[in-house]
Protein backbone atom coordinates (compact mmCIF):
# COMPACT_ATOMS: atom_id res chain seq x y z
CA MET A 1 -93.40 27.13 -49.97
CA ASN A 2 -94.09 30.36 -52.07
CA GLN A 3 -96.00 30.03 -55.35
CA VAL A 4 -93.67 31.50 -58.35
CA VAL A 5 -96.45 33.54 -59.96
CA THR A 6 -95.52 33.62 -64.17
CA PRO A 7 -95.88 37.45 -65.39
CA LYS A 8 -98.84 37.31 -68.15
CA MET A 9 -98.10 39.79 -71.16
CA LEU A 10 -101.43 41.24 -71.76
CA LEU A 11 -100.39 44.31 -74.34
CA ASP A 12 -97.47 45.69 -76.33
CA GLU A 13 -98.21 48.61 -78.48
CA HIS A 14 -97.92 52.07 -79.11
CA GLY A 15 -95.65 52.44 -76.91
CA VAL A 16 -97.62 50.87 -73.47
CA THR A 17 -96.54 47.71 -72.65
CA CYS A 18 -99.41 45.94 -69.94
CA VAL A 19 -98.28 43.36 -67.65
CA GLN A 20 -100.26 41.26 -65.43
CA THR A 21 -98.20 39.55 -62.50
CA GLY A 22 -100.81 37.64 -60.46
CA PRO A 23 -103.50 40.81 -58.84
CA VAL A 24 -101.11 43.41 -59.90
CA VAL A 25 -101.02 45.04 -63.55
CA GLU A 26 -97.82 47.15 -64.61
CA VAL A 27 -98.47 49.73 -67.26
CA THR A 28 -95.39 51.07 -68.88
CA LEU A 29 -95.10 53.83 -71.36
CA ASN A 30 -92.30 52.74 -72.93
CA ARG A 31 -90.44 55.33 -75.57
CA PRO A 32 -87.69 55.88 -73.47
CA GLU A 33 -86.08 57.12 -76.82
CA VAL A 34 -88.51 60.18 -76.46
CA ARG A 35 -89.00 60.45 -72.59
CA ASN A 36 -92.23 58.36 -73.02
CA ALA A 37 -93.76 61.71 -74.89
CA MET A 38 -97.34 60.19 -75.41
CA ARG A 39 -98.96 60.75 -78.57
CA PRO A 40 -103.31 59.86 -79.18
CA SER A 41 -102.35 56.47 -79.97
CA THR A 42 -100.93 56.31 -76.35
CA TRP A 43 -103.70 57.79 -75.06
CA THR A 44 -106.40 55.20 -76.98
CA THR A 45 -104.47 52.45 -76.27
CA LEU A 46 -104.61 53.00 -72.49
CA ALA A 47 -108.29 53.04 -72.79
CA ALA A 48 -107.81 49.63 -74.43
CA VAL A 49 -106.11 48.47 -70.98
CA GLY A 50 -108.35 50.21 -68.90
CA LYS A 51 -111.32 48.00 -70.32
CA SER A 52 -109.24 45.09 -70.56
CA ILE A 53 -108.74 45.12 -66.41
CA ASP A 54 -109.82 41.33 -64.64
CA GLU A 55 -112.45 41.50 -61.51
CA ASP A 56 -109.15 39.57 -59.63
CA VAL A 57 -106.75 42.49 -60.31
CA ARG A 58 -105.85 44.40 -57.00
CA ALA A 59 -103.63 46.72 -57.92
CA VAL A 60 -102.45 49.23 -61.09
CA VAL A 61 -98.82 49.93 -61.19
CA VAL A 62 -98.07 52.89 -64.04
CA ARG A 63 -94.57 53.86 -64.99
CA GLY A 64 -92.29 55.57 -67.82
CA ALA A 65 -88.89 53.65 -68.78
CA GLY A 66 -85.84 55.38 -68.78
CA GLU A 67 -84.92 58.01 -67.32
CA ALA A 68 -88.24 60.17 -67.47
CA PHE A 69 -91.68 59.38 -66.52
CA CYS A 70 -93.31 61.41 -69.60
CA ALA A 71 -92.40 64.43 -71.63
CA GLY A 72 -96.00 65.36 -72.18
CA ILE A 73 -97.15 65.46 -75.57
CA ASP A 74 -95.01 64.22 -78.67
CA LEU A 75 -93.71 67.81 -79.86
CA ARG A 76 -93.32 66.74 -83.27
CA LEU A 77 -97.42 66.93 -82.86
CA VAL A 78 -97.60 70.12 -81.93
CA ALA A 79 -94.93 71.44 -84.58
CA GLY A 80 -97.11 70.08 -87.08
CA ASP A 81 -95.48 66.84 -87.90
CA ALA A 82 -97.33 63.22 -88.72
CA VAL A 83 -95.92 60.81 -86.20
CA GLY A 84 -96.32 57.25 -86.95
CA ASP A 85 -99.99 56.97 -87.25
CA ASP A 86 -100.91 60.10 -85.58
CA ALA A 87 -101.92 63.21 -87.52
CA PRO A 88 -100.54 66.27 -86.05
CA LEU A 89 -102.67 68.07 -83.85
CA SER A 90 -103.20 71.26 -86.35
CA ALA A 91 -105.74 68.30 -88.20
CA LEU A 92 -107.86 68.90 -85.39
CA PHE A 93 -108.33 72.68 -86.34
CA GLU A 94 -111.24 72.02 -88.65
CA ALA A 95 -113.11 69.90 -86.53
CA SER A 96 -115.96 71.00 -85.11
CA GLN A 97 -117.46 71.56 -81.67
CA VAL A 98 -119.33 68.03 -81.40
CA GLU A 99 -116.17 66.34 -83.53
CA PHE A 100 -113.46 67.77 -81.01
CA ASP A 101 -115.50 66.94 -78.05
CA ARG A 102 -115.90 62.68 -79.12
CA LEU A 103 -112.45 63.27 -79.92
CA VAL A 104 -111.40 64.43 -76.86
CA ALA A 105 -113.58 62.60 -74.25
CA ALA A 106 -112.36 59.32 -76.25
CA TYR A 107 -108.40 60.33 -75.35
CA GLN A 108 -109.94 60.74 -71.40
CA GLU A 109 -110.76 57.58 -71.39
CA GLY A 110 -107.26 56.29 -71.17
CA PHE A 111 -106.96 58.68 -67.75
CA VAL A 112 -110.53 57.81 -66.35
CA TRP A 113 -110.45 54.06 -66.30
CA LEU A 114 -107.29 54.52 -63.02
CA ARG A 115 -110.48 55.87 -60.98
CA ASP A 116 -112.17 52.41 -61.16
CA PRO A 117 -112.74 51.55 -57.21
CA ARG A 118 -111.97 47.54 -57.63
CA PHE A 119 -108.43 47.92 -57.93
CA ILE A 120 -105.47 51.03 -56.23
CA SER A 121 -103.93 52.73 -58.87
CA VAL A 122 -100.29 53.84 -58.13
CA ALA A 123 -97.97 55.99 -60.17
CA ALA A 124 -94.02 55.61 -59.62
CA VAL A 125 -92.74 58.46 -61.18
CA GLN A 126 -89.09 59.31 -61.85
CA GLY A 127 -87.45 62.13 -63.47
CA HIS A 128 -89.52 64.31 -66.17
CA CYS A 129 -93.44 63.80 -65.15
CA MET A 130 -94.74 67.18 -67.81
CA GLY A 131 -98.47 67.82 -69.74
CA ALA A 132 -100.01 64.72 -70.46
CA GLY A 133 -98.19 62.89 -68.25
CA PHE A 134 -98.31 64.65 -65.16
CA GLN A 135 -101.91 64.21 -65.55
CA PHE A 136 -101.41 60.27 -66.60
CA ALA A 137 -99.62 60.53 -62.65
CA LEU A 138 -102.76 62.61 -60.97
CA ALA A 139 -105.54 60.07 -62.69
CA CYS A 140 -103.55 57.04 -60.28
CA ASP A 141 -104.76 56.99 -56.23
CA VAL A 142 -101.17 57.20 -55.10
CA ARG A 143 -98.00 58.88 -56.41
CA VAL A 144 -94.60 57.53 -55.29
CA ALA A 145 -91.27 59.38 -56.70
CA SER A 146 -88.01 59.37 -56.59
CA ASP A 147 -86.02 62.37 -55.24
CA ASP A 148 -84.89 63.78 -59.09
CA ALA A 149 -88.98 64.07 -60.28
CA LYS A 150 -90.10 67.18 -61.69
CA PHE A 151 -93.48 68.25 -62.19
CA CYS A 152 -94.95 70.24 -64.84
CA MET A 153 -98.48 70.95 -66.51
CA ARG A 154 -96.78 72.49 -69.40
CA GLU A 155 -100.15 73.50 -71.44
CA ALA A 156 -100.20 77.04 -71.02
CA ALA A 157 -96.76 77.41 -72.65
CA LEU A 158 -98.12 75.74 -75.53
CA GLY A 159 -101.45 78.07 -75.84
CA LEU A 160 -103.53 75.08 -74.85
CA VAL A 161 -105.18 73.88 -71.09
CA PRO A 162 -104.59 70.27 -69.63
CA ASP A 163 -108.19 68.35 -71.15
CA LEU A 164 -106.71 64.86 -69.81
CA THR A 165 -108.67 64.97 -66.33
CA GLY A 166 -105.97 66.90 -64.70
CA THR A 167 -107.56 69.83 -63.77
CA LYS A 168 -109.89 68.42 -61.44
CA HIS A 169 -107.03 65.75 -59.94
CA LEU A 170 -104.77 68.52 -59.40
CA VAL A 171 -107.28 70.96 -57.60
CA ASP A 172 -108.10 68.12 -55.63
CA ALA A 173 -104.73 67.23 -54.62
CA VAL A 174 -102.83 70.72 -54.12
CA GLY A 175 -106.06 73.52 -53.64
CA TYR A 176 -107.35 76.32 -56.26
CA SER A 177 -105.05 78.59 -55.51
CA ARG A 178 -101.86 76.31 -55.54
CA ALA A 179 -103.06 74.70 -58.75
CA LEU A 180 -103.69 77.91 -60.95
CA GLU A 181 -100.00 79.22 -59.63
CA TRP A 182 -98.27 75.91 -60.97
CA THR A 183 -100.34 75.70 -64.31
CA ALA A 184 -100.26 79.46 -65.61
CA SER A 185 -96.35 79.73 -64.87
CA ALA A 186 -95.85 75.88 -66.10
CA ARG A 187 -93.01 76.29 -64.09
CA PHE A 188 -90.98 72.96 -62.80
CA VAL A 189 -92.03 71.63 -59.41
CA GLU A 190 -89.46 69.74 -57.42
CA ALA A 191 -90.18 65.96 -55.77
CA GLU A 192 -90.17 67.80 -52.32
CA GLU A 193 -92.25 70.61 -53.02
CA ALA A 194 -94.23 67.99 -54.88
CA LEU A 195 -94.39 66.09 -51.44
CA ALA A 196 -95.02 68.81 -49.17
CA SER A 197 -97.93 70.13 -51.42
CA GLY A 198 -99.56 66.56 -51.69
CA VAL A 199 -99.09 65.60 -55.26
CA VAL A 200 -97.01 62.70 -53.81
CA ASN A 201 -97.54 60.41 -50.73
CA LYS A 202 -93.66 59.67 -50.50
CA VAL A 203 -90.09 60.52 -52.13
CA VAL A 204 -87.59 58.22 -52.01
CA PRO A 205 -83.52 57.98 -53.56
CA ARG A 206 -83.62 56.68 -57.18
CA ALA A 207 -82.34 53.57 -56.68
CA ASP A 208 -85.20 52.49 -53.89
CA LEU A 209 -88.48 53.76 -56.27
CA ASP A 210 -89.23 49.92 -57.21
CA SER A 211 -88.90 48.78 -54.13
CA ALA A 212 -90.76 51.71 -52.26
CA VAL A 213 -93.58 50.64 -54.91
CA GLY A 214 -94.01 47.47 -54.07
CA GLU A 215 -93.94 47.87 -50.64
CA MET A 216 -96.71 50.31 -50.91
CA VAL A 217 -98.40 47.72 -53.44
CA SER A 218 -97.85 45.25 -50.96
CA ALA A 219 -99.41 47.62 -47.69
CA LEU A 220 -102.56 48.96 -49.89
CA THR A 221 -103.51 44.97 -51.12
CA ALA A 222 -103.30 43.63 -47.40
CA HIS A 223 -107.03 43.70 -46.40
CA PRO A 224 -109.93 42.34 -47.91
CA HIS A 225 -110.90 43.65 -51.42
CA ASP A 226 -114.29 44.40 -50.99
CA ALA A 227 -113.62 46.43 -47.63
CA VAL A 228 -110.54 48.66 -49.66
CA SER A 229 -113.06 48.96 -53.18
CA ALA A 230 -115.81 50.12 -50.92
CA THR A 231 -113.37 52.58 -49.02
CA LYS A 232 -112.08 54.15 -52.24
CA SER A 233 -115.93 54.68 -53.56
CA LEU A 234 -116.48 56.25 -50.77
CA LEU A 235 -113.39 58.71 -50.31
CA GLN A 236 -113.70 59.43 -54.29
CA GLY A 237 -117.39 61.12 -53.83
CA ALA A 238 -116.37 63.05 -49.70
CA VAL A 239 -115.36 65.90 -51.86
CA GLU A 240 -118.86 66.36 -53.93
CA ARG A 241 -121.76 65.15 -51.42
CA THR A 242 -122.62 66.99 -48.52
CA PHE A 243 -122.03 65.74 -44.54
CA ASP A 244 -125.48 64.38 -44.33
CA ASP A 245 -124.86 62.47 -47.97
CA GLN A 246 -122.07 61.33 -47.14
CA ARG A 247 -122.66 59.87 -43.64
CA ALA A 248 -125.25 58.40 -45.11
CA ALA A 249 -123.27 56.56 -48.16
CA GLU A 250 -121.35 55.14 -44.99
CA ARG A 251 -124.00 53.54 -43.29
CA ILE A 252 -125.21 51.98 -46.82
CA ALA A 253 -121.68 50.48 -47.42
CA GLN A 254 -120.95 49.58 -44.22
CA PHE A 255 -124.33 47.33 -44.17
CA HIS A 256 -122.98 45.92 -47.13
CA ARG A 257 -119.83 45.08 -45.61
CA PHE A 258 -121.98 43.43 -42.16
CA ALA A 259 -124.00 41.23 -44.72
CA ALA A 260 -120.61 39.78 -46.33
CA LEU A 261 -119.67 39.18 -42.94
CA ALA A 262 -122.57 37.70 -41.90
CA ALA A 263 -122.53 35.30 -44.85
CA GLY A 264 -119.28 34.60 -44.37
CA GLY A 265 -117.34 36.31 -47.75
CA VAL A 266 -114.60 37.28 -45.84
CA GLU A 267 -112.14 36.76 -43.21
CA VAL A 268 -110.79 39.47 -41.03
CA GLU A 269 -108.48 39.29 -38.07
CA LEU A 270 -109.50 41.44 -35.06
CA SER A 271 -107.19 42.70 -32.60
CA GLY A 272 -108.92 44.15 -29.22
CA ALA A 273 -107.37 46.59 -26.50
CA THR A 274 -106.11 43.60 -24.31
CA GLY A 275 -103.94 42.33 -27.75
CA ALA A 276 -106.09 39.09 -27.87
CA ARG A 277 -106.99 38.31 -31.26
CA SER A 278 -109.93 36.90 -33.01
CA HIS A 279 -111.25 35.76 -36.38
CA VAL A 280 -114.29 37.09 -38.17
CA ARG A 281 -115.43 34.70 -41.34
């Protein structure tokens, strides 16, 4: 009999909810009335979520409530209005470069934690995914999109630049030339183009998004946790390492995997060419 796992609410504040069900944490941008538009308090709350992730978490799913994933920054802040506890962006006009750098670095922490090799992060994207929201999705390891998803890096149209880790992730996903074209034009990229360009891993009908994300999470967490985490770390460093440095990193990681197998720390199933199966503990 399958054991029923009760969801546990970890956080519900500043338009962000966080629920853990077994080894899966689900983070939801929860301001559907403004298409989940983000504010600085959203980013600091997301950073707090990242710091709270337990060691037993295997996957983190991020999504947006309602019709859109995220419409980007709350434009009322851009227009000079305060919204709740968040000051307008014009409040930053008088900041020194040191203070500005400190503030934005803190906001970036709401995105950086999704790279943590302890788990795999998956973005479930529907509808508009713009600006800061696009950068939030790009911060994840894997993206599954509905067929009505529309991606847009809108910052240049506002006289700004993407500064929430999105430039690195976008270039890694689609290459420099395409990333420049998308950001300089601030145009919308439809789901199928995003799939062909490598921004998303899978596109499904809107009604199938939740089940597709569930299937993706199941596939990504089916194998020994430490092996998957070590592989994620290797892949993250592959772009910046030289070939020789990368193969050295592979040897080190594999040594530790063999040590864990020898110590009986993990059970794996091996299937040979004949189809015969055996187990190694």
